[in-house]
Amino acid sequence: MIIPIDEQVPDLSSLKPNLVRMALRRLFQSAGPTDHTTYALSMNTIRLGDLCVDEYQNARAAILDWHSKRTNSGLSYVARASGHFEACIWAIERMLRHVKVLRSALFVPPAIKQLLPKSLLLLRGDQEKMLIDIRDAVTHFEGLLLQGEIPEGSSLAVVANGGNLEIGDLRVSIKRLADWIRELHGCAERLADYGGDASPVV
């Protein structure tokens, strides 16, 4: 059974940006954490969440463009998608590190920690390792290339292939990537809605 390409690469256009909303709430309503470090961590977490979605959607657009236009080899579309997916993976990993610090740091109010559940997919099983392995593979192959030691036939970038992202012998489904982003976007959304340390969590 052939799965339609728009199902292999789920549409995340319903995930709206949160950074500007939080900044405006801070400016006009004094919303958000009172502690500066916690506020900065929250803002950067939200910024990276927006970046995850943007890069994913740009990669998805490149894939859909190629499937709809089918011009020449499609190499330009593949290259576009590859670059955006790599940036997306880096943003996801960076955002996850922010989430983990917000969950664990002693200076972060408990009310904010409650917004970032430990049940996140990336905090379960080997899913974080899967993400980091792909990120590290990009760095590894690039390092070999810069040292002039890249073996012939080696991967040079993350490539979308049949609903998966692949580099070397590593593979993760694009649907799983989309699930990670949805959950992280939910974290960013809750942080952006946080009224302040004295406000009840809704």
Protein backbone atom coordinates (compact mmCIF):
# COMPACT_ATOMS: atom_id res chain seq x y z
CA MET A 1 0.00 0.00 0.00
CA ILE A 2 1.39 3.37 -1.03
CA ILE A 3 1.05 6.00 1.71
CA PRO A 4 0.35 9.51 0.31
CA ILE A 5 3.33 11.84 0.74
CA ASP A 6 1.34 14.34 2.80
CA GLU A 7 0.68 11.55 5.32
CA GLN A 8 4.33 10.48 5.39
CA VAL A 9 5.24 14.09 6.21
CA PRO A 10 2.45 15.38 8.51
CA ASP A 11 1.35 18.99 8.22
CA LEU A 12 2.19 21.03 11.33
CA SER A 13 0.83 24.35 10.05
CA SER A 14 -1.70 24.40 12.92
CA LEU A 15 1.17 24.92 15.40
CA LYS A 16 1.30 28.69 15.71
CA PRO A 17 4.32 30.77 16.86
CA ASN A 18 4.52 31.63 20.55
CA LEU A 19 7.53 33.93 20.96
CA VAL A 20 5.94 37.23 19.95
CA ARG A 21 2.85 36.48 22.01
CA MET A 22 4.93 35.86 25.12
CA ALA A 23 7.02 38.99 24.52
CA LEU A 24 3.88 41.12 24.18
CA ARG A 25 2.35 39.59 27.31
CA ARG A 26 5.58 40.38 29.15
CA LEU A 27 5.56 43.96 27.91
CA PHE A 28 1.91 44.81 28.52
CA GLN A 29 0.86 42.38 31.29
CA SER A 30 4.16 41.70 33.12
CA ALA A 31 3.51 38.00 32.49
CA GLY A 32 6.08 35.25 32.83
CA PRO A 33 8.64 34.30 35.47
CA THR A 34 9.97 37.06 37.73
CA ASP A 35 13.44 35.52 37.95
CA HIS A 36 15.55 36.75 35.02
CA THR A 37 17.35 33.45 34.34
CA THR A 38 14.10 31.51 34.37
CA TYR A 39 12.52 34.08 32.07
CA ALA A 40 15.47 33.93 29.65
CA LEU A 41 15.38 30.14 29.62
CA SER A 42 11.63 30.20 28.99
CA MET A 43 11.96 32.72 26.16
CA ASN A 44 14.71 30.76 24.46
CA THR A 45 12.77 27.51 24.85
CA ILE A 46 9.82 29.16 23.12
CA ARG A 47 12.05 30.62 20.39
CA LEU A 48 13.51 27.20 19.66
CA GLY A 49 10.01 25.71 19.59
CA ASP A 50 9.01 28.19 16.89
CA LEU A 51 12.22 27.35 15.01
CA CYS A 52 11.47 23.60 15.13
CA VAL A 53 8.10 24.14 13.49
CA ASP A 54 9.40 26.64 10.90
CA GLU A 55 12.25 24.40 9.76
CA TYR A 56 10.04 21.30 9.66
CA GLN A 57 7.38 23.08 7.59
CA ASN A 58 10.02 24.44 5.20
CA ALA A 59 11.39 20.92 4.72
CA ARG A 60 7.87 19.60 4.17
CA ALA A 61 7.20 22.30 1.56
CA ALA A 62 10.34 21.29 -0.36
CA ILE A 63 9.26 17.63 -0.40
CA LEU A 64 5.72 18.48 -1.52
CA ASP A 65 7.09 20.84 -4.21
CA TRP A 66 9.21 18.06 -5.65
CA HIS A 67 6.36 15.55 -5.67
CA SER A 68 3.99 18.01 -7.31
CA LYS A 69 6.39 19.46 -9.91
CA ARG A 70 8.74 16.53 -10.61
CA THR A 71 11.21 18.80 -12.39
CA ASN A 72 14.54 17.28 -13.54
CA SER A 73 16.33 15.22 -10.86
CA GLY A 74 14.71 17.04 -7.97
CA LEU A 75 18.14 17.58 -6.45
CA SER A 76 17.43 21.18 -5.48
CA TYR A 77 14.31 20.12 -3.56
CA VAL A 78 16.20 17.28 -1.84
CA ALA A 79 18.96 19.70 -0.83
CA ARG A 80 16.43 22.20 0.51
CA ALA A 81 14.60 19.57 2.54
CA SER A 82 17.86 18.15 3.87
CA GLY A 83 19.07 21.54 5.12
CA HIS A 84 15.78 22.35 6.82
CA PHE A 85 15.51 18.91 8.44
CA GLU A 86 19.06 19.22 9.80
CA ALA A 87 18.25 22.64 11.27
CA CYS A 88 15.02 21.18 12.70
CA ILE A 89 16.87 18.32 14.41
CA TRP A 90 19.38 20.71 15.96
CA ALA A 91 16.57 22.97 17.19
CA ILE A 92 14.70 20.02 18.73
CA GLU A 93 17.82 18.85 20.58
CA ARG A 94 18.59 22.36 21.84
CA MET A 95 15.01 22.90 22.96
CA LEU A 96 14.98 19.56 24.78
CA ARG A 97 18.09 20.59 26.71
CA HIS A 98 16.31 23.81 27.75
CA VAL A 99 13.24 21.85 28.85
CA LYS A 100 15.39 19.50 30.94
CA VAL A 101 17.10 22.44 32.69
CA LEU A 102 13.75 24.12 33.38
CA ARG A 103 12.49 20.85 34.85
CA SER A 104 15.54 20.23 37.04
CA ALA A 105 17.02 23.58 38.09
CA LEU A 106 16.43 24.51 41.73
CA PHE A 107 15.81 28.17 40.90
CA VAL A 108 12.86 27.39 38.59
CA PRO A 109 9.44 27.71 40.31
CA PRO A 110 7.48 24.44 40.68
CA ALA A 111 4.59 25.97 38.73
CA ILE A 112 6.79 26.20 35.63
CA LYS A 113 8.09 22.65 36.06
CA GLN A 114 4.49 21.44 36.01
CA LEU A 115 4.13 22.87 32.50
CA LEU A 116 6.85 20.54 31.20
CA PRO A 117 5.71 16.94 31.78
CA LYS A 118 8.21 14.12 32.27
CA SER A 119 5.96 12.00 30.04
CA LEU A 120 7.29 13.73 26.90
CA LEU A 121 8.13 11.20 24.18
CA LEU A 122 11.72 12.45 24.05
CA LEU A 123 12.12 11.73 27.77
CA ARG A 124 10.94 8.13 27.36
CA GLY A 125 12.90 5.05 26.39
CA ASP A 126 15.59 5.54 23.78
CA GLN A 127 13.94 8.37 21.88
CA GLU A 128 16.31 11.08 23.10
CA LYS A 129 19.24 8.83 22.16
CA MET A 130 17.73 8.39 18.70
CA LEU A 131 17.62 12.17 18.26
CA ILE A 132 21.15 12.72 19.57
CA ASP A 133 22.58 9.88 17.48
CA ILE A 134 21.28 11.53 14.31
CA ARG A 135 22.60 14.94 15.37
CA ASP A 136 25.98 13.41 16.23
CA ALA A 137 26.12 11.56 12.91
CA VAL A 138 25.80 14.86 11.03
CA THR A 139 28.67 16.28 13.10
CA HIS A 140 30.75 13.12 12.70
CA PHE A 141 30.53 12.93 8.92
CA GLU A 142 31.13 16.66 8.61
CA GLY A 143 34.20 16.35 10.86
CA LEU A 144 35.61 13.56 8.68
CA LEU A 145 34.98 15.68 5.60
CA LEU A 146 36.78 18.71 7.04
CA GLN A 147 39.76 16.50 7.97
CA GLY A 148 39.89 15.08 4.45
CA GLU A 149 39.13 11.59 5.75
CA ILE A 150 35.60 11.01 4.44
CA PRO A 151 35.29 7.48 2.98
CA GLU A 152 33.81 7.15 -0.48
CA GLY A 153 30.07 6.49 -0.35
CA SER A 154 29.64 8.03 3.10
CA SER A 155 26.57 10.07 3.99
CA LEU A 156 27.06 13.81 3.86
CA ALA A 157 23.67 14.97 5.14
CA VAL A 158 20.30 13.89 6.47
CA VAL A 159 18.14 12.70 3.57
CA ALA A 160 14.37 12.19 3.44
CA ASN A 161 13.63 8.77 1.97
CA GLY A 162 10.25 7.03 1.92
CA GLY A 163 8.83 8.78 4.98
CA ASN A 164 12.08 8.49 6.95
CA LEU A 165 15.09 10.66 7.66
CA GLU A 166 18.33 8.77 7.09
CA ILE A 167 22.04 9.37 7.60
CA GLY A 168 24.52 6.53 7.53
CA ASP A 169 22.79 3.51 9.06
CA LEU A 170 20.53 5.66 11.25
CA ARG A 171 16.86 6.19 10.50
CA VAL A 172 13.91 7.96 12.14
CA SER A 173 10.44 8.32 10.69
CA ILE A 174 9.31 11.82 9.81
CA LYS A 175 6.02 11.09 11.61
CA ARG A 176 7.98 10.46 14.81
CA LEU A 177 9.84 13.75 14.29
CA ALA A 178 6.46 15.49 13.91
CA ASP A 179 5.24 13.88 17.16
CA TRP A 180 8.30 15.20 18.99
CA ILE A 181 7.67 18.69 17.64
CA ARG A 182 3.97 18.64 18.58
CA GLU A 183 4.81 17.80 22.19
CA LEU A 184 7.59 20.39 22.43
CA HIS A 185 5.31 23.00 20.88
CA GLY A 186 2.80 22.21 23.63
CA CYS A 187 5.52 22.97 26.20
CA ALA A 188 6.29 26.27 24.48
CA GLU A 189 2.61 27.17 24.32
CA ARG A 190 2.15 26.56 28.04
CA LEU A 191 5.24 28.60 28.87
CA ALA A 192 3.94 31.47 26.72
CA ASP A 193 0.60 31.32 28.56
CA TYR A 194 2.23 31.34 32.00
CA GLY A 195 0.81 34.32 33.84
CA GLY A 196 3.50 34.72 36.48
CA ASP A 197 4.88 33.14 39.63
CA ALA A 198 1.96 34.36 41.71
CA SER A 199 -0.68 33.23 39.21
CA PRO A 200 -2.41 29.85 39.42
CA VAL A 201 -1.56 27.33 36.72
CA VAL A 202 -4.58 26.74 34.50
